PDB file of N, CA and C in Angstrom:
ATOM      1  N   MET A   1      95.882  84.712 116.259  1.00  0.00           N
ATOM      2  CA  MET A   1      95.409  84.630 114.910  1.00  0.00           C
ATOM      3  C   MET A   1      94.021  84.897 114.788  1.00  0.00           C
ATOM      4  N   SER A   2      93.640  85.698 113.756  1.00  0.00           N
ATOM      5  CA  SER A   2      92.222  86.003 113.486  1.00  0.00           C
ATOM      6  C   SER A   2      91.423  84.984 112.836  1.00  0.00           C
ATOM      7  N   ARG A   3      90.044  85.045 112.921  1.00  0.00           N
ATOM      8  CA  ARG A   3      89.308  84.054 112.199  1.00  0.00           C
ATOM      9  C   ARG A   3      89.727  83.832 110.852  1.00  0.00           C
ATOM     10  N   ASP A   4      90.137  84.842 110.043  1.00  0.00           N
ATOM     11  CA  ASP A   4      90.466  84.672 108.715  1.00  0.00           C
ATOM     12  C   ASP A   4      91.924  84.251 108.369  1.00  0.00           C
ATOM     13  N   GLY A   5      92.476  83.824 109.536  1.00  0.00           N
ATOM     14  CA  GLY A   5      93.936  83.171 109.441  1.00  0.00           C
ATOM     15  C   GLY A   5      95.113  84.195 109.364  1.00  0.00           C
ATOM     16  N   HIS A   6      94.818  85.497 109.689  1.00  0.00           N
ATOM     17  CA  HIS A   6      95.928  86.506 109.842  1.00  0.00           C
ATOM     18  C   HIS A   6      96.343  86.637 111.235  1.00  0.00           C
ATOM     19  N   TRP A   7      97.717  86.789 111.401  1.00  0.00           N
ATOM     20  CA  TRP A   7      98.293  86.831 112.660  1.00  0.00           C
ATOM     21  C   TRP A   7      98.421  88.319 112.960  1.00  0.00           C
ATOM     22  N   GLY A   8      98.248  88.896 114.233  1.00  0.00           N
ATOM     23  CA  GLY A   8      98.415  90.135 114.678  1.00  0.00           C
ATOM     24  C   GLY A   8      97.313  91.159 114.267  1.00  0.00           C
ATOM     25  N   VAL A   9      96.207  90.719 113.821  1.00  0.00           N
ATOM     26  CA  VAL A   9      95.126  91.609 113.592  1.00  0.00           C
ATOM     27  C   VAL A   9      94.523  92.176 114.771  1.00  0.00           C
ATOM     28  N   MET A  10      94.382  93.503 114.895  1.00  0.00           N
ATOM     29  CA  MET A  10      93.732  93.971 116.064  1.00  0.00           C
ATOM     30  C   MET A  10      92.199  94.569 115.831  1.00  0.00           C
ATOM     31  N   THR A  11      91.424  94.566 116.796  1.00  0.00           N
ATOM     32  CA  THR A  11      90.039  94.990 116.531  1.00  0.00           C
ATOM     33  C   THR A  11      89.665  96.049 117.481  1.00  0.00           C
ATOM     34  N   THR A  12      88.627  96.783 117.163  1.00  0.00           N
ATOM     35  CA  THR A  12      88.332  97.870 118.045  1.00  0.00           C
ATOM     36  C   THR A  12      87.698  97.267 119.412  1.00  0.00           C
ATOM     37  N   ALA A  13      86.952  96.165 119.320  1.00  0.00           N
ATOM     38  CA  ALA A  13      86.536  95.506 120.461  1.00  0.00           C
ATOM     39  C   ALA A  13      87.624  95.153 121.379  1.00  0.00           C
ATOM     40  N   ARG A  14      88.675  94.520 120.785  1.00  0.00           N
ATOM     41  CA  ARG A  14      89.776  94.009 121.791  1.00  0.00           C
ATOM     42  C   ARG A  14      90.478  95.326 122.390  1.00  0.00           C
ATOM     43  N   TRP A  15      90.575  96.460 121.574  1.00  0.00           N
ATOM     44  CA  TRP A  15      91.280  97.619 122.113  1.00  0.00           C
ATOM     45  C   TRP A  15      90.263  98.149 123.200  1.00  0.00           C
ATOM     46  N   GLN A  16      89.064  98.255 122.926  1.00  0.00           N
ATOM     47  CA  GLN A  16      88.133  98.708 123.884  1.00  0.00           C
ATOM     48  C   GLN A  16      88.146  97.887 125.182  1.00  0.00           C
ATOM     49  N   ALA A  17      88.237  96.757 125.128  1.00  0.00           N
ATOM     50  CA  ALA A  17      88.251  95.843 126.368  1.00  0.00           C
ATOM     51  C   ALA A  17      89.537  96.283 127.135  1.00  0.00           C
ATOM     52  N   PHE A  18      90.533  96.382 126.474  1.00  0.00           N
ATOM     53  CA  PHE A  18      91.929  96.772 127.033  1.00  0.00           C
ATOM     54  C   PHE A  18      91.841  98.007 127.689  1.00  0.00           C
ATOM     55  N   LEU A  19      91.311  99.019 127.090  1.00  0.00           N
ATOM     56  CA  LEU A  19      91.070 100.444 127.489  1.00  0.00           C
ATOM     57  C   LEU A  19      90.160 100.453 128.766  1.00  0.00           C
ATOM     58  N   ASP A  20      89.108  99.792 128.544  1.00  0.00           N
ATOM     59  CA  ASP A  20      88.100  99.624 129.788  1.00  0.00           C
ATOM     60  C   ASP A  20      88.907  99.105 131.030  1.00  0.00           C
ATOM     61  N   TRP A  21      89.773  97.958 130.895  1.00  0.00           N
ATOM     62  CA  TRP A  21      90.481  97.653 131.944  1.00  0.00           C
ATOM     63  C   TRP A  21      91.524  98.425 132.601  1.00  0.00           C
ATOM     64  N   ILE A  22      92.226  99.167 131.651  1.00  0.00           N
ATOM     65  CA  ILE A  22      93.247 100.290 132.074  1.00  0.00           C
ATOM     66  C   ILE A  22      92.513 101.240 132.928  1.00  0.00           C
ATOM     67  N   CYS A  23      91.347 101.762 132.421  1.00  0.00           N
ATOM     68  CA  CYS A  23      90.577 102.782 133.121  1.00  0.00           C
ATOM     69  C   CYS A  23      90.030 102.294 134.537  1.00  0.00           C
ATOM     70  N   GLU A  24      89.587 101.109 134.599  1.00  0.00           N
ATOM     71  CA  GLU A  24      89.136 100.467 135.832  1.00  0.00           C
ATOM     72  C   GLU A  24      90.231 100.385 136.834  1.00  0.00           C
ATOM     73  N   GLN A  25      91.540 100.188 136.340  1.00  0.00           N
ATOM     74  CA  GLN A  25      92.612 100.077 137.265  1.00  0.00           C
ATOM     75  C   GLN A  25      93.205 101.457 137.523  1.00  0.00           C
ATOM     76  N   HIS A  26      92.689 102.469 137.058  1.00  0.00           N
ATOM     77  CA  HIS A  26      93.233 103.933 137.280  1.00  0.00           C
ATOM     78  C   HIS A  26      94.522 103.970 136.846  1.00  0.00           C
ATOM     79  N   LEU A  27      94.932 103.295 135.750  1.00  0.00           N
ATOM     80  CA  LEU A  27      96.343 103.427 135.250  1.00  0.00           C
ATOM     81  C   LEU A  27      96.511 104.506 134.269  1.00  0.00           C
ATOM     82  N   LEU A  28      95.542 105.081 133.660  1.00  0.00           N
ATOM     83  CA  LEU A  28      95.787 106.016 132.594  1.00  0.00           C
ATOM     84  C   LEU A  28      95.612 107.534 133.165  1.00  0.00           C
ATOM     85  N   LYS A  29      96.799 108.321 133.166  1.00  0.00           N
ATOM     86  CA  LYS A  29      96.691 109.523 133.806  1.00  0.00           C
ATOM     87  C   LYS A  29      97.064 110.621 132.769  1.00  0.00           C
ATOM     88  N   ASP A  30      96.517 111.848 133.111  1.00  0.00           N
ATOM     89  CA  ASP A  30      97.030 113.007 132.318  1.00  0.00           C
ATOM     90  C   ASP A  30      98.276 113.611 132.870  1.00  0.00           C
ATOM     91  N   SER A  31      98.724 114.663 132.295  1.00  0.00           N
ATOM     92  CA  SER A  31     100.005 115.310 132.702  1.00  0.00           C
ATOM     93  C   SER A  31      99.986 115.880 134.119  1.00  0.00           C
ATOM     94  N   LEU A  32      98.693 115.967 134.715  1.00  0.00           N
ATOM     95  CA  LEU A  32      98.619 116.489 136.109  1.00  0.00           C
ATOM     96  C   LEU A  32      98.423 115.357 137.030  1.00  0.00           C
ATOM     97  N   GLY A  33      98.433 114.113 136.425  1.00  0.00           N
ATOM     98  CA  GLY A  33      98.268 112.947 137.413  1.00  0.00           C
ATOM     99  C   GLY A  33      96.818 112.542 137.696  1.00  0.00           C
ATOM    100  N   GLN A  34      95.813 113.313 136.918  1.00  0.00           N
ATOM    101  CA  GLN A  34      94.441 112.885 137.046  1.00  0.00           C
ATOM    102  C   GLN A  34      94.071 111.832 136.169  1.00  0.00           C
ATOM    103  N   ASP A  35      93.092 110.980 136.523  1.00  0.00           N
ATOM    104  CA  ASP A  35      92.553 109.866 135.658  1.00  0.00           C
ATOM    105  C   ASP A  35      92.001 110.501 134.520  1.00  0.00           C
ATOM    106  N   VAL A  36      92.369 109.866 133.347  1.00  0.00           N
ATOM    107  CA  VAL A  36      91.780 110.375 132.045  1.00  0.00           C
ATOM    108  C   VAL A  36      90.474 109.655 131.977  1.00  0.00           C
ATOM    109  N   VAL A  37      89.434 110.561 131.342  1.00  0.00           N
ATOM    110  CA  VAL A  37      88.167 109.961 131.131  1.00  0.00           C
ATOM    111  C   VAL A  37      88.120 109.177 129.773  1.00  0.00           C
ATOM    112  N   CYS A  38      88.019 107.902 129.962  1.00  0.00           N
ATOM    113  CA  CYS A  38      88.173 107.015 128.969  1.00  0.00           C
ATOM    114  C   CYS A  38      87.182 107.107 127.861  1.00  0.00           C
ATOM    115  N   ASP A  39      85.909 107.607 128.124  1.00  0.00           N
ATOM    116  CA  ASP A  39      84.865 107.872 127.115  1.00  0.00           C
ATOM    117  C   ASP A  39      85.265 108.901 126.129  1.00  0.00           C
ATOM    118  N   SER A  40      86.272 109.767 126.472  1.00  0.00           N
ATOM    119  CA  SER A  40      86.653 110.790 125.740  1.00  0.00           C
ATOM    120  C   SER A  40      87.672 110.412 124.662  1.00  0.00           C
ATOM    121  N   LEU A  41      88.190 109.154 124.696  1.00  0.00           N
ATOM    122  CA  LEU A  41      89.182 108.650 123.817  1.00  0.00           C
ATOM    123  C   LEU A  41      88.643 108.023 122.632  1.00  0.00           C
ATOM    124  N   ASP A  42      89.376 108.121 121.454  1.00  0.00           N
ATOM    125  CA  ASP A  42      88.983 107.619 120.239  1.00  0.00           C
ATOM    126  C   ASP A  42      89.728 106.238 120.077  1.00  0.00           C
ATOM    127  N   VAL A  43      89.051 105.094 120.436  1.00  0.00           N
ATOM    128  CA  VAL A  43      89.783 103.903 120.406  1.00  0.00           C
ATOM    129  C   VAL A  43      90.253 103.433 119.117  1.00  0.00           C
ATOM    130  N   SER A  44      89.530 103.838 118.075  1.00  0.00           N
ATOM    131  CA  SER A  44      89.939 103.431 116.604  1.00  0.00           C
ATOM    132  C   SER A  44      91.103 104.055 116.189  1.00  0.00           C
ATOM    133  N   ALA A  45      91.548 105.121 116.916  1.00  0.00           N
ATOM    134  CA  ALA A  45      92.896 105.939 116.597  1.00  0.00           C
ATOM    135  C   ALA A  45      94.079 105.431 117.306  1.00  0.00           C
ATOM    136  N   MET A  46      93.797 104.326 118.143  1.00  0.00           N
ATOM    137  CA  MET A  46      95.007 103.776 118.987  1.00  0.00           C
ATOM    138  C   MET A  46      95.635 102.661 118.368  1.00  0.00           C
ATOM    139  N   PHE A  47      95.207 102.077 117.223  1.00  0.00           N
ATOM    140  CA  PHE A  47      95.778 100.998 116.568  1.00  0.00           C
ATOM    141  C   PHE A  47      95.615 101.054 115.091  1.00  0.00           C
ATOM    142  N   THR A  48      96.390 100.227 114.340  1.00  0.00           N
ATOM    143  CA  THR A  48      96.326 100.122 112.858  1.00  0.00           C
ATOM    144  C   THR A  48      96.651  98.738 112.454  1.00  0.00           C
ATOM    145  N   ASN A  49      96.004  98.232 111.475  1.00  0.00           N
ATOM    146  CA  ASN A  49      96.301  97.030 110.767  1.00  0.00           C
ATOM    147  C   ASN A  49      96.912  97.257 109.396  1.00  0.00           C
ATOM    148  N   GLN A  50      97.296  98.358 109.331  1.00  0.00           N
ATOM    149  CA  GLN A  50      97.861  98.886 107.843  1.00  0.00           C
ATOM    150  C   GLN A  50      99.134  97.964 107.548  1.00  0.00           C
ATOM    151  N   PHE A  51     100.006  97.660 108.375  1.00  0.00           N
ATOM    152  CA  PHE A  51     101.184  97.120 108.073  1.00  0.00           C
ATOM    153  C   PHE A  51     101.253  95.510 108.144  1.00  0.00           C
ATOM    154  N   LEU A  52     100.010  94.968 108.335  1.00  0.00           N
ATOM    155  CA  LEU A  52     100.073  93.522 108.380  1.00  0.00           C
ATOM    156  C   LEU A  52     100.074  92.858 106.971  1.00  0.00           C
TER     157      LEU A  52
END
């Protein structure tokens, strides 16, 4: 639950931390099996709170 009392709200900081962990673990690959450069990804485009 977020600080304002809403359940399920996502934040850019939370997704960035998750993405950082995925990249540190070398779990995100492109179609050729190469590690994706995480700095090239737009974290804010990976989630929405629109439907909450």
